[in-house]
C-alpha atoms as a PDB file:
ATOM      1  CA  MET A   1     -14.754 154.603 -29.996  1.00  0.00           C
ATOM      2  CA  PRO A   2     -17.735 152.978 -32.100  1.00  0.00           C
ATOM      3  CA  LYS A   3     -18.639 150.710 -29.276  1.00  0.00           C
ATOM      4  CA  TYR A   4     -18.720 153.517 -26.879  1.00  0.00           C
ATOM      5  CA  ASP A   5     -21.050 155.494 -29.186  1.00  0.00           C
ATOM      6  CA  GLU A   6     -23.226 152.226 -29.667  1.00  0.00           C
ATOM      7  CA  ASP A   7     -23.698 151.921 -25.672  1.00  0.00           C
ATOM      8  CA  VAL A   8     -24.564 155.587 -25.519  1.00  0.00           C
ATOM      9  CA  ASP A   9     -27.144 155.289 -28.411  1.00  0.00           C
ATOM     10  CA  ALA A  10     -28.986 152.254 -26.631  1.00  0.00           C
ATOM     11  CA  LEU A  11     -28.927 153.745 -23.376  1.00  0.00           C
ATOM     12  CA  LEU A  12     -30.645 157.026 -24.605  1.00  0.00           C
ATOM     13  CA  ARG A  13     -33.077 155.002 -26.786  1.00  0.00           C
ATOM     14  CA  ALA A  14     -33.911 152.817 -23.506  1.00  0.00           C
ATOM     15  CA  LEU A  15     -34.358 155.864 -21.288  1.00  0.00           C
ATOM     16  CA  ALA A  16     -36.205 157.885 -23.954  1.00  0.00           C
ATOM     17  CA  ASP A  17     -39.472 156.380 -22.515  1.00  0.00           C
ATOM     18  CA  PRO A  18     -41.025 157.734 -19.151  1.00  0.00           C
ATOM     19  CA  THR A  19     -42.193 154.472 -18.004  1.00  0.00           C
ATOM     20  CA  ARG A  20     -38.786 153.154 -18.327  1.00  0.00           C
ATOM     21  CA  ARG A  21     -37.072 155.986 -16.706  1.00  0.00           C
ATOM     22  CA  ALA A  22     -39.670 155.513 -13.856  1.00  0.00           C
ATOM     23  CA  VAL A  23     -38.525 151.929 -13.387  1.00  0.00           C
ATOM     24  CA  VAL A  24     -34.912 153.012 -13.457  1.00  0.00           C
ATOM     25  CA  GLU A  25     -35.662 155.504 -10.649  1.00  0.00           C
ATOM     26  CA  ARG A  26     -37.416 152.800  -8.617  1.00  0.00           C
ATOM     27  CA  LEU A  27     -34.776 150.233  -9.049  1.00  0.00           C
ATOM     28  CA  ALA A  28     -32.125 152.849  -7.952  1.00  0.00           C
ATOM     29  CA  LYS A  29     -33.698 152.262  -4.485  1.00  0.00           C
ATOM     30  CA  ALA A  30     -33.599 148.508  -4.381  1.00  0.00           C
ATOM     31  CA  PRO A  31     -34.300 145.410  -6.741  1.00  0.00           C
ATOM     32  CA  ALA A  32     -37.981 144.553  -7.059  1.00  0.00           C
ATOM     33  CA  VAL A  33     -40.260 141.683  -8.209  1.00  0.00           C
ATOM     34  CA  VAL A  34     -41.760 142.362 -11.563  1.00  0.00           C
ATOM     35  CA  SER A  35     -45.136 142.625 -10.369  1.00  0.00           C
ATOM     36  CA  GLU A  36     -44.449 145.235  -7.724  1.00  0.00           C
ATOM     37  CA  LEU A  37     -42.528 147.208 -10.788  1.00  0.00           C
ATOM     38  CA  ALA A  38     -45.594 146.916 -12.932  1.00  0.00           C
ATOM     39  CA  ALA A  39     -48.246 147.809 -10.345  1.00  0.00           C
ATOM     40  CA  PRO A  40     -48.006 151.686 -10.695  1.00  0.00           C
ATOM     41  CA  PHE A  41     -48.441 151.510 -14.620  1.00  0.00           C
ATOM     42  CA  PRO A  42     -51.578 151.411 -16.268  1.00  0.00           C
ATOM     43  CA  MET A  43     -50.793 148.801 -18.893  1.00  0.00           C
ATOM     44  CA  ALA A  44     -51.082 144.955 -19.335  1.00  0.00           C
ATOM     45  CA  LEU A  45     -48.202 143.017 -17.923  1.00  0.00           C
ATOM     46  CA  PRO A  46     -47.017 141.611 -21.464  1.00  0.00           C
ATOM     47  CA  SER A  47     -46.435 145.446 -22.254  1.00  0.00           C
ATOM     48  CA  PHE A  48     -44.692 146.150 -19.287  1.00  0.00           C
ATOM     49  CA  MET A  49     -42.413 143.163 -19.819  1.00  0.00           C
ATOM     50  CA  GLN A  50     -41.449 144.740 -23.208  1.00  0.00           C
ATOM     51  CA  HIS A  51     -40.240 147.733 -21.338  1.00  0.00           C
ATOM     52  CA  LEU A  52     -38.258 145.484 -19.184  1.00  0.00           C
ATOM     53  CA  GLY A  53     -36.802 143.821 -22.272  1.00  0.00           C
ATOM     54  CA  ILE A  54     -35.738 147.001 -23.607  1.00  0.00           C
ATOM     55  CA  LEU A  55     -33.893 148.064 -20.572  1.00  0.00           C
ATOM     56  CA  GLU A  56     -32.219 144.567 -20.122  1.00  0.00           C
ATOM     57  CA  LYS A  57     -31.061 144.647 -23.833  1.00  0.00           C
ATOM     58  CA  ALA A  58     -29.630 148.137 -23.212  1.00  0.00           C
ATOM     59  CA  GLY A  59     -27.682 146.388 -20.246  1.00  0.00           C
ATOM     60  CA  ILE A  60     -29.183 148.799 -17.708  1.00  0.00           C
ATOM     61  CA  VAL A  61     -31.220 146.113 -15.634  1.00  0.00           C
ATOM     62  CA  LEU A  62     -30.424 142.413 -15.011  1.00  0.00           C
ATOM     63  CA  SER A  63     -33.236 139.981 -13.821  1.00  0.00           C
ATOM     64  CA  HIS A  64     -33.366 136.501 -12.454  1.00  0.00           C
ATOM     65  CA  LYS A  65     -36.087 134.114 -11.863  1.00  0.00           C
ATOM     66  CA  GLN A  66     -36.290 131.925  -8.893  1.00  0.00           C
ATOM     67  CA  GLY A  67     -39.559 129.603  -9.190  1.00  0.00           C
ATOM     68  CA  ARG A  68     -42.277 131.879 -10.442  1.00  0.00           C
ATOM     69  CA  VAL A  69     -40.709 135.226  -9.192  1.00  0.00           C
ATOM     70  CA  ARG A  70     -38.614 137.436 -11.395  1.00  0.00           C
ATOM     71  CA  THR A  71     -36.680 139.869  -9.724  1.00  0.00           C
ATOM     72  CA  VAL A  72     -35.107 142.886 -11.419  1.00  0.00           C
ATOM     73  CA  SER A  73     -32.265 145.031 -10.463  1.00  0.00           C
ATOM     74  CA  LEU A  74     -29.932 147.874 -11.823  1.00  0.00           C
ATOM     75  CA  ARG A  75     -26.910 146.582 -13.360  1.00  0.00           C
ATOM     76  CA  PRO A  76     -23.833 148.225 -11.468  1.00  0.00           C
ATOM     77  CA  GLY A  77     -22.184 150.639 -13.692  1.00  0.00           C
ATOM     78  CA  ALA A  78     -24.907 150.491 -16.321  1.00  0.00           C
ATOM     79  CA  LEU A  79     -25.180 154.180 -16.813  1.00  0.00           C
ATOM     80  CA  ASP A  80     -21.432 154.913 -16.733  1.00  0.00           C
ATOM     81  CA  ALA A  81     -21.048 155.395 -20.654  1.00  0.00           C
ATOM     82  CA  LEU A  82     -23.918 157.995 -20.584  1.00  0.00           C
ATOM     83  CA  HIS A  83     -22.396 159.840 -17.465  1.00  0.00           C
ATOM     84  CA  LEU A  84     -19.040 159.843 -19.301  1.00  0.00           C
ATOM     85  CA  TRP A  85     -20.638 161.194 -22.541  1.00  0.00           C
ATOM     86  CA  LEU A  86     -22.680 163.842 -20.726  1.00  0.00           C
ATOM     87  CA  GLY A  87     -19.408 165.033 -18.763  1.00  0.00           C
ATOM     88  CA  GLU A  88     -17.757 165.345 -22.144  1.00  0.00           C
ATOM     89  CA  GLN A  89     -20.567 167.483 -23.530  1.00  0.00           C
ATOM     90  CA  ARG A  90     -20.819 169.559 -20.583  1.00  0.00           C
ATOM     91  CA  THR A  91     -17.106 170.603 -20.490  1.00  0.00           C
ATOM     92  CA  PRO A  92     -17.084 172.579 -23.863  1.00  0.00           C
ATOM     93  CA  ALA A  93     -20.220 174.465 -22.666  1.00  0.00           C
ATOM     94  CA  GLU A  94     -18.629 175.161 -19.153  1.00  0.00           C
ATOM     95  CA  ASP A  95     -15.529 176.558 -21.030  1.00  0.00           C
ATOM     96  CA  GLN A  96     -17.551 178.916 -23.055  1.00  0.00           C
ATOM     97  CA  ALA A  97     -19.463 180.213 -19.966  1.00  0.00           C
ATOM     98  CA  ASP A  98     -16.111 180.733 -18.128  1.00  0.00           C
ATOM     99  CA  ARG A  99     -14.757 182.668 -21.110  1.00  0.00           C
ATOM    100  CA  LEU A 100     -18.031 184.797 -21.453  1.00  0.00           C
ATOM    101  CA  GLY A 101     -17.730 185.534 -17.633  1.00  0.00           C
ATOM    102  CA  ILE A 102     -14.343 186.638 -18.089  1.00  0.00           C
ATOM    103  CA  HIS A 103     -15.294 188.807 -20.942  1.00  0.00           C
ATOM    104  CA  LEU A 104     -18.051 190.229 -19.090  1.00  0.00           C
ATOM    105  CA  THR A 105     -15.973 191.133 -15.923  1.00  0.00           C
ATOM    106  CA  ARG A 106     -13.194 192.782 -18.075  1.00  0.00           C
ATOM    107  CA  THR A 107     -15.873 194.808 -20.070  1.00  0.00           C
ATOM    108  CA  ALA A 108     -17.725 195.792 -16.803  1.00  0.00           C
ATOM    109  CA  GLY A 109     -14.191 196.789 -15.366  1.00  0.00           C
ATOM    110  CA  LYS A 110     -13.412 199.043 -18.378  1.00  0.00           C
ATOM    111  CA  GLU A 111     -16.855 200.681 -18.247  1.00  0.00           C
ATOM    112  CA  GLY A 112     -16.228 201.541 -14.723  1.00  0.00           C
ATOM    113  CA  ASP A 113     -12.790 203.274 -15.528  1.00  0.00           C
ATOM    114  CA  LEU A 114     -14.720 205.876 -17.925  1.00  0.00           C
ATOM    115  CA  THR A 115     -16.918 207.232 -15.317  1.00  0.00           C
END
């Protein structure tokens, strides 16, 4: 699964920055033009474009240019590898919590028998 691990690594690196996470949150609502996406951020447009480049290289967003207007959208299924990885990590922790709950219930039941 090396490719799977590379995909997860690229997604996590791209999403590590709060600006890029905010862009992804905004694009989850609808595609947007670059100037609209950049407006809330206190940085020069070339700096913002670097953020978009990182998101695009990680496969999270797609962009297309028509005339002088570049529109950006989320790539369908872009976060699937991350979602699967997180699900795999959650399962062992949930299993441990379930076993702990069973143990505590049994222990509490035994203590109740002694009174």
